[in-house]
Amino acid sequence: MDLTASSPRPIVSPCIKVCAVDGQSGYCLGCRRTLPEIASWARKSDDERSAILAELPSRPVPMISLVAGQA
């Protein structure tokens, strides 16, 4: 029996390969996650990942991202 066909895919990382952390906010300039969130992403459950993803739009955009045109 092949269980992979019925298994849901894990929630993918929001990383956009713009990896630098803003010193003031502590958020990544690309994905707005914190370093602990980034480091533990692979170990988090889908529920934990969903909760983080739900928070990202409400997190402030670091000013450097606005200047660089990333936001």
PDB file of N, CA and C in Angstrom:
ATOM      1  N   MET A   1       0.844  -1.167   0.000  1.00  0.00           N
ATOM      2  CA  MET A   1       0.000   0.000   0.000  1.00  0.00           C
ATOM      3  C   MET A   1       0.898   1.243   0.000  1.00  0.00           C
ATOM      4  N   ASP A   2       0.611   2.196  -0.880  1.00  0.00           N
ATOM      5  CA  ASP A   2       1.389   3.421  -0.989  1.00  0.00           C
ATOM      6  C   ASP A   2       0.676   4.536  -0.229  1.00  0.00           C
ATOM      7  N   LEU A   3       1.248   4.919   0.902  1.00  0.00           N
ATOM      8  CA  LEU A   3       0.634   5.968   1.723  1.00  0.00           C
ATOM      9  C   LEU A   3       1.011   7.364   1.255  1.00  0.00           C
ATOM     10  N   THR A   4       2.048   7.480   0.441  1.00  0.00           N
ATOM     11  CA  THR A   4       2.499   8.805   0.036  1.00  0.00           C
ATOM     12  C   THR A   4       1.471   9.544  -0.804  1.00  0.00           C
ATOM     13  N   ALA A   5       0.677   8.839  -1.568  1.00  0.00           N
ATOM     14  CA  ALA A   5      -0.319   9.498  -2.408  1.00  0.00           C
ATOM     15  C   ALA A   5      -1.406  10.171  -1.577  1.00  0.00           C
ATOM     16  N   SER A   6      -1.732   9.617  -0.421  1.00  0.00           N
ATOM     17  CA  SER A   6      -2.796  10.190   0.393  1.00  0.00           C
ATOM     18  C   SER A   6      -2.275  11.115   1.490  1.00  0.00           C
ATOM     19  N   SER A   7      -0.974  11.151   1.693  1.00  0.00           N
ATOM     20  CA  SER A   7      -0.400  12.003   2.735  1.00  0.00           C
ATOM     21  C   SER A   7      -0.362  13.448   2.258  1.00  0.00           C
ATOM     22  N   PRO A   8      -0.819  14.372   3.102  1.00  0.00           N
ATOM     23  CA  PRO A   8      -0.749  15.777   2.701  1.00  0.00           C
ATOM     24  C   PRO A   8       0.705  16.243   2.662  1.00  0.00           C
ATOM     25  N   ARG A   9       0.979  17.163   1.778  1.00  0.00           N
ATOM     26  CA  ARG A   9       2.332  17.710   1.687  1.00  0.00           C
ATOM     27  C   ARG A   9       2.562  18.662   2.853  1.00  0.00           C
ATOM     28  N   PRO A  10       3.791  18.697   3.359  1.00  0.00           N
ATOM     29  CA  PRO A  10       4.072  19.643   4.445  1.00  0.00           C
ATOM     30  C   PRO A  10       4.005  21.080   3.926  1.00  0.00           C
ATOM     31  N   ILE A  11       3.729  21.992   4.813  1.00  0.00           N
ATOM     32  CA  ILE A  11       3.673  23.405   4.455  1.00  0.00           C
ATOM     33  C   ILE A  11       5.088  23.866   4.135  1.00  0.00           C
ATOM     34  N   VAL A  12       5.255  24.467   2.971  1.00  0.00           N
ATOM     35  CA  VAL A  12       6.582  24.875   2.525  1.00  0.00           C
ATOM     36  C   VAL A  12       7.027  26.163   3.212  1.00  0.00           C
ATOM     37  N   SER A  13       8.308  26.363   3.220  1.00  0.00           N
ATOM     38  CA  SER A  13       8.906  27.546   3.821  1.00  0.00           C
ATOM     39  C   SER A  13       8.550  28.794   3.012  1.00  0.00           C
ATOM     40  N   PRO A  14       8.334  29.925   3.689  1.00  0.00           N
ATOM     41  CA  PRO A  14       8.070  31.170   2.979  1.00  0.00           C
ATOM     42  C   PRO A  14       9.350  31.863   2.498  1.00  0.00           C
ATOM     43  N   CYS A  15      10.479  31.202   2.640  1.00  0.00           N
ATOM     44  CA  CYS A  15      11.767  31.780   2.253  1.00  0.00           C
ATOM     45  C   CYS A  15      11.754  32.176   0.779  1.00  0.00           C
ATOM     46  N   ILE A  16      12.251  33.397   0.496  1.00  0.00           N
ATOM     47  CA  ILE A  16      12.365  33.866  -0.882  1.00  0.00           C
ATOM     48  C   ILE A  16      13.825  34.107  -1.250  1.00  0.00           C
ATOM     49  N   LYS A  17      14.736  33.541  -0.477  1.00  0.00           N
ATOM     50  CA  LYS A  17      16.183  33.614  -0.726  1.00  0.00           C
ATOM     51  C   LYS A  17      16.743  35.030  -0.606  1.00  0.00           C
ATOM     52  N   VAL A  18      16.117  35.847   0.237  1.00  0.00           N
ATOM     53  CA  VAL A  18      16.634  37.163   0.598  1.00  0.00           C
ATOM     54  C   VAL A  18      16.874  37.083   2.096  1.00  0.00           C
ATOM     55  N   CYS A  19      17.992  36.499   2.474  1.00  0.00           N
ATOM     56  CA  CYS A  19      18.220  36.117   3.865  1.00  0.00           C
ATOM     57  C   CYS A  19      19.157  37.083   4.583  1.00  0.00           C
ATOM     58  N   ALA A  20      18.566  38.006   5.295  1.00  0.00           N
ATOM     59  CA  ALA A  20      19.297  38.938   6.145  1.00  0.00           C
ATOM     60  C   ALA A  20      18.322  39.386   7.222  1.00  0.00           C
ATOM     61  N   VAL A  21      18.799  39.453   8.445  1.00  0.00           N
ATOM     62  CA  VAL A  21      17.921  39.803   9.561  1.00  0.00           C
ATOM     63  C   VAL A  21      18.102  41.267   9.934  1.00  0.00           C
ATOM     64  N   ASP A  22      16.990  41.972  10.029  1.00  0.00           N
ATOM     65  CA  ASP A  22      16.982  43.368  10.445  1.00  0.00           C
ATOM     66  C   ASP A  22      17.356  43.449  11.916  1.00  0.00           C
ATOM     67  N   GLY A  23      18.339  44.255  12.241  1.00  0.00           N
ATOM     68  CA  GLY A  23      18.832  44.362  13.610  1.00  0.00           C
ATOM     69  C   GLY A  23      17.823  44.927  14.589  1.00  0.00           C
ATOM     70  N   GLN A  24      16.923  45.783  14.136  1.00  0.00           N
ATOM     71  CA  GLN A  24      15.943  46.384  15.036  1.00  0.00           C
ATOM     72  C   GLN A  24      14.749  45.475  15.283  1.00  0.00           C
ATOM     73  N   SER A  25      14.172  44.959  14.227  1.00  0.00           N
ATOM     74  CA  SER A  25      12.953  44.156  14.386  1.00  0.00           C
ATOM     75  C   SER A  25      13.244  42.695  14.694  1.00  0.00           C
ATOM     76  N   GLY A  26      14.393  42.195  14.236  1.00  0.00           N
ATOM     77  CA  GLY A  26      14.714  40.781  14.399  1.00  0.00           C
ATOM     78  C   GLY A  26      14.079  39.900  13.339  1.00  0.00           C
ATOM     79  N   TYR A  27      13.447  40.514  12.335  1.00  0.00           N
ATOM     80  CA  TYR A  27      12.795  39.761  11.268  1.00  0.00           C
ATOM     81  C   TYR A  27      13.698  39.670  10.042  1.00  0.00           C
ATOM     82  N   CYS A  28      13.588  38.551   9.347  1.00  0.00           N
ATOM     83  CA  CYS A  28      14.292  38.371   8.083  1.00  0.00           C
ATOM     84  C   CYS A  28      13.737  39.379   7.080  1.00  0.00           C
ATOM     85  N   LEU A  29      14.623  39.983   6.300  1.00  0.00           N
ATOM     86  CA  LEU A  29      14.186  40.962   5.310  1.00  0.00           C
ATOM     87  C   LEU A  29      13.367  40.331   4.190  1.00  0.00           C
ATOM     88  N   GLY A  30      13.556  39.055   3.942  1.00  0.00           N
ATOM     89  CA  GLY A  30      12.826  38.385   2.870  1.00  0.00           C
ATOM     90  C   GLY A  30      11.497  37.806   3.306  1.00  0.00           C
ATOM     91  N   CYS A  31      11.509  37.008   4.374  1.00  0.00           N
ATOM     92  CA  CYS A  31      10.290  36.264   4.744  1.00  0.00           C
ATOM     93  C   CYS A  31       9.627  36.760   6.030  1.00  0.00           C
ATOM     94  N   ARG A  32      10.274  37.650   6.758  1.00  0.00           N
ATOM     95  CA  ARG A  32       9.761  38.238   8.003  1.00  0.00           C
ATOM     96  C   ARG A  32       9.693  37.267   9.180  1.00  0.00           C
ATOM     97  N   ARG A  33      10.364  36.111   9.056  1.00  0.00           N
ATOM     98  CA  ARG A  33      10.433  35.205  10.206  1.00  0.00           C
ATOM     99  C   ARG A  33      11.622  35.593  11.075  1.00  0.00           C
ATOM    100  N   THR A  34      11.588  35.161  12.329  1.00  0.00           N
ATOM    101  CA  THR A  34      12.716  35.370  13.230  1.00  0.00           C
ATOM    102  C   THR A  34      13.737  34.252  13.018  1.00  0.00           C
ATOM    103  N   LEU A  35      14.952  34.457  13.504  1.00  0.00           N
ATOM    104  CA  LEU A  35      15.964  33.402  13.389  1.00  0.00           C
ATOM    105  C   LEU A  35      15.527  32.099  14.051  1.00  0.00           C
ATOM    106  N   PRO A  36      14.940  32.133  15.270  1.00  0.00           N
ATOM    107  CA  PRO A  36      14.473  30.873  15.858  1.00  0.00           C
ATOM    108  C   PRO A  36      13.406  30.179  15.003  1.00  0.00           C
ATOM    109  N   GLU A  37      12.514  30.951  14.385  1.00  0.00           N
ATOM    110  CA  GLU A  37      11.490  30.354  13.521  1.00  0.00           C
ATOM    111  C   GLU A  37      12.122  29.714  12.287  1.00  0.00           C
ATOM    112  N   ILE A  38      13.098  30.390  11.714  1.00  0.00           N
ATOM    113  CA  ILE A  38      13.785  29.857  10.537  1.00  0.00           C
ATOM    114  C   ILE A  38      14.540  28.584  10.900  1.00  0.00           C
ATOM    115  N   ALA A  39      15.279  28.633  12.001  1.00  0.00           N
ATOM    116  CA  ALA A  39      16.110  27.494  12.408  1.00  0.00           C
ATOM    117  C   ALA A  39      15.289  26.260  12.759  1.00  0.00           C
ATOM    118  N   SER A  40      14.093  26.456  13.293  1.00  0.00           N
ATOM    119  CA  SER A  40      13.286  25.317  13.738  1.00  0.00           C
ATOM    120  C   SER A  40      12.181  24.932  12.752  1.00  0.00           C
ATOM    121  N   TRP A  41      12.130  25.566  11.597  1.00  0.00           N
ATOM    122  CA  TRP A  41      11.043  25.344  10.639  1.00  0.00           C
ATOM    123  C   TRP A  41      10.863  23.869  10.298  1.00  0.00           C
ATOM    124  N   ALA A  42      11.939  23.167  10.027  1.00  0.00           N
ATOM    125  CA  ALA A  42      11.848  21.758   9.610  1.00  0.00           C
ATOM    126  C   ALA A  42      11.290  20.861  10.714  1.00  0.00           C
ATOM    127  N   ARG A  43      11.443  21.272  11.962  1.00  0.00           N
ATOM    128  CA  ARG A  43      10.959  20.468  13.090  1.00  0.00           C
ATOM    129  C   ARG A  43       9.545  20.844  13.530  1.00  0.00           C
ATOM    130  N   LYS A  44       9.012  21.914  13.003  1.00  0.00           N
ATOM    131  CA  LYS A  44       7.680  22.368  13.422  1.00  0.00           C
ATOM    132  C   LYS A  44       6.584  21.546  12.753  1.00  0.00           C
ATOM    133  N   SER A  45       5.479  21.423  13.456  1.00  0.00           N
ATOM    134  CA  SER A  45       4.313  20.734  12.891  1.00  0.00           C
ATOM    135  C   SER A  45       3.643  21.651  11.867  1.00  0.00           C
ATOM    136  N   ASP A  46       2.762  21.085  11.062  1.00  0.00           N
ATOM    137  CA  ASP A  46       2.019  21.901  10.102  1.00  0.00           C
ATOM    138  C   ASP A  46       1.181  22.964  10.808  1.00  0.00           C
ATOM    139  N   ASP A  47       0.636  22.641  11.976  1.00  0.00           N
ATOM    140  CA  ASP A  47      -0.139  23.629  12.736  1.00  0.00           C
ATOM    141  C   ASP A  47       0.747  24.791  13.173  1.00  0.00           C
ATOM    142  N   GLU A  48       1.955  24.483  13.637  1.00  0.00           N
ATOM    143  CA  GLU A  48       2.884  25.542  14.050  1.00  0.00           C
ATOM    144  C   GLU A  48       3.307  26.389  12.853  1.00  0.00           C
ATOM    145  N   ARG A  49       3.567  25.739  11.726  1.00  0.00           N
ATOM    146  CA  ARG A  49       3.942  26.473  10.518  1.00  0.00           C
ATOM    147  C   ARG A  49       2.799  27.369  10.051  1.00  0.00           C
ATOM    148  N   SER A  50       1.583  26.848  10.089  1.00  0.00           N
ATOM    149  CA  SER A  50       0.413  27.636   9.687  1.00  0.00           C
ATOM    150  C   SER A  50       0.247  28.866  10.569  1.00  0.00           C
ATOM    151  N   ALA A  51       0.482  28.704  11.863  1.00  0.00           N
ATOM    152  CA  ALA A  51       0.361  29.834  12.795  1.00  0.00           C
ATOM    153  C   ALA A  51       1.387  30.915  12.467  1.00  0.00           C
ATOM    154  N   ILE A  52       2.605  30.510  12.162  1.00  0.00           N
ATOM    155  CA  ILE A  52       3.644  31.479  11.797  1.00  0.00           C
ATOM    156  C   ILE A  52       3.263  32.180  10.497  1.00  0.00           C
ATOM    157  N   LEU A  53       2.853  31.414   9.497  1.00  0.00           N
ATOM    158  CA  LEU A  53       2.469  32.006   8.215  1.00  0.00           C
ATOM    159  C   LEU A  53       1.327  33.000   8.371  1.00  0.00           C
ATOM    160  N   ALA A  54       0.390  32.706   9.260  1.00  0.00           N
ATOM    161  CA  ALA A  54      -0.744  33.604   9.484  1.00  0.00           C
ATOM    162  C   ALA A  54      -0.301  34.930  10.094  1.00  0.00           C
ATOM    163  N   GLU A  55       0.781  34.914  10.866  1.00  0.00           N
ATOM    164  CA  GLU A  55       1.291  36.132  11.510  1.00  0.00           C
ATOM    165  C   GLU A  55       2.102  37.016  10.567  1.00  0.00           C
ATOM    166  N   LEU A  56       2.705  36.440   9.551  1.00  0.00           N
ATOM    167  CA  LEU A  56       3.653  37.180   8.719  1.00  0.00           C
ATOM    168  C   LEU A  56       3.093  38.463   8.111  1.00  0.00           C
ATOM    169  N   PRO A  57       1.880  38.482   7.565  1.00  0.00           N
ATOM    170  CA  PRO A  57       1.376  39.727   6.967  1.00  0.00           C
ATOM    171  C   PRO A  57       1.245  40.884   7.961  1.00  0.00           C
ATOM    172  N   SER A  58       1.054  40.587   9.230  1.00  0.00           N
ATOM    173  CA  SER A  58       0.891  41.654  10.218  1.00  0.00           C
ATOM    174  C   SER A  58       2.222  42.142  10.788  1.00  0.00           C
ATOM    175  N   ARG A  59       3.298  41.468  10.462  1.00  0.00           N
ATOM    176  CA  ARG A  59       4.608  41.890  10.965  1.00  0.00           C
ATOM    177  C   ARG A  59       5.108  43.076  10.150  1.00  0.00           C
ATOM    178  N   PRO A  60       5.809  43.995  10.820  1.00  0.00           N
ATOM    179  CA  PRO A  60       6.299  45.175  10.101  1.00  0.00           C
ATOM    180  C   PRO A  60       7.326  44.798   9.038  1.00  0.00           C
ATOM    181  N   VAL A  61       7.284  45.546   7.943  1.00  0.00           N
ATOM    182  CA  VAL A  61       8.273  45.362   6.889  1.00  0.00           C
ATOM    183  C   VAL A  61       9.501  46.175   7.278  1.00  0.00           C
ATOM    184  N   PRO A  62      10.660  45.541   7.408  1.00  0.00           N
ATOM    185  CA  PRO A  62      11.869  46.302   7.749  1.00  0.00           C
ATOM    186  C   PRO A  62      12.121  47.401   6.716  1.00  0.00           C
ATOM    187  N   MET A  63      12.537  48.566   7.181  1.00  0.00           N
ATOM    188  CA  MET A  63      12.736  49.717   6.305  1.00  0.00           C
ATOM    189  C   MET A  63      13.696  49.418   5.162  1.00  0.00           C
ATOM    190  N   ILE A  64      14.725  48.644   5.400  1.00  0.00           N
ATOM    191  CA  ILE A  64      15.691  48.330   4.347  1.00  0.00           C
ATOM    192  C   ILE A  64      15.003  47.616   3.187  1.00  0.00           C
ATOM    193  N   SER A  65      13.973  46.817   3.471  1.00  0.00           N
ATOM    194  CA  SER A  65      13.229  46.135   2.412  1.00  0.00           C
ATOM    195  C   SER A  65      12.462  47.136   1.559  1.00  0.00           C
ATOM    196  N   LEU A  66      11.917  48.154   2.199  1.00  0.00           N
ATOM    197  CA  LEU A  66      11.184  49.177   1.464  1.00  0.00           C
ATOM    198  C   LEU A  66      12.118  49.944   0.539  1.00  0.00           C
ATOM    199  N   VAL A  67      13.298  50.280   1.047  1.00  0.00           N
ATOM    200  CA  VAL A  67      14.279  51.019   0.262  1.00  0.00           C
ATOM    201  C   VAL A  67      14.770  50.179  -0.911  1.00  0.00           C
ATOM    202  N   ALA A  68      14.969  48.891  -0.675  1.00  0.00           N
ATOM    203  CA  ALA A  68      15.492  48.004  -1.712  1.00  0.00           C
ATOM    204  C   ALA A  68      14.412  47.525  -2.675  1.00  0.00           C
ATOM    205  N   GLY A  69      13.156  47.863  -2.416  1.00  0.00           N
ATOM    206  CA  GLY A  69      12.067  47.457  -3.292  1.00  0.00           C
ATOM    207  C   GLY A  69      11.633  46.020  -3.115  1.00  0.00           C
ATOM    208  N   GLN A  70      11.906  45.415  -1.964  1.00  0.00           N
ATOM    209  CA  GLN A  70      11.553  44.022  -1.715  1.00  0.00           C
ATOM    210  C   GLN A  70      10.130  43.856  -1.201  1.00  0.00           C
ATOM    211  N   ALA A  71       9.543  44.883  -0.612  1.00  0.00           N
ATOM    212  CA  ALA A  71       8.222  44.747   0.015  1.00  0.00           C
ATOM    213  C   ALA A  71       7.105  44.899  -0.975  1.00  0.00           C
TER     214      ALA A  71
END
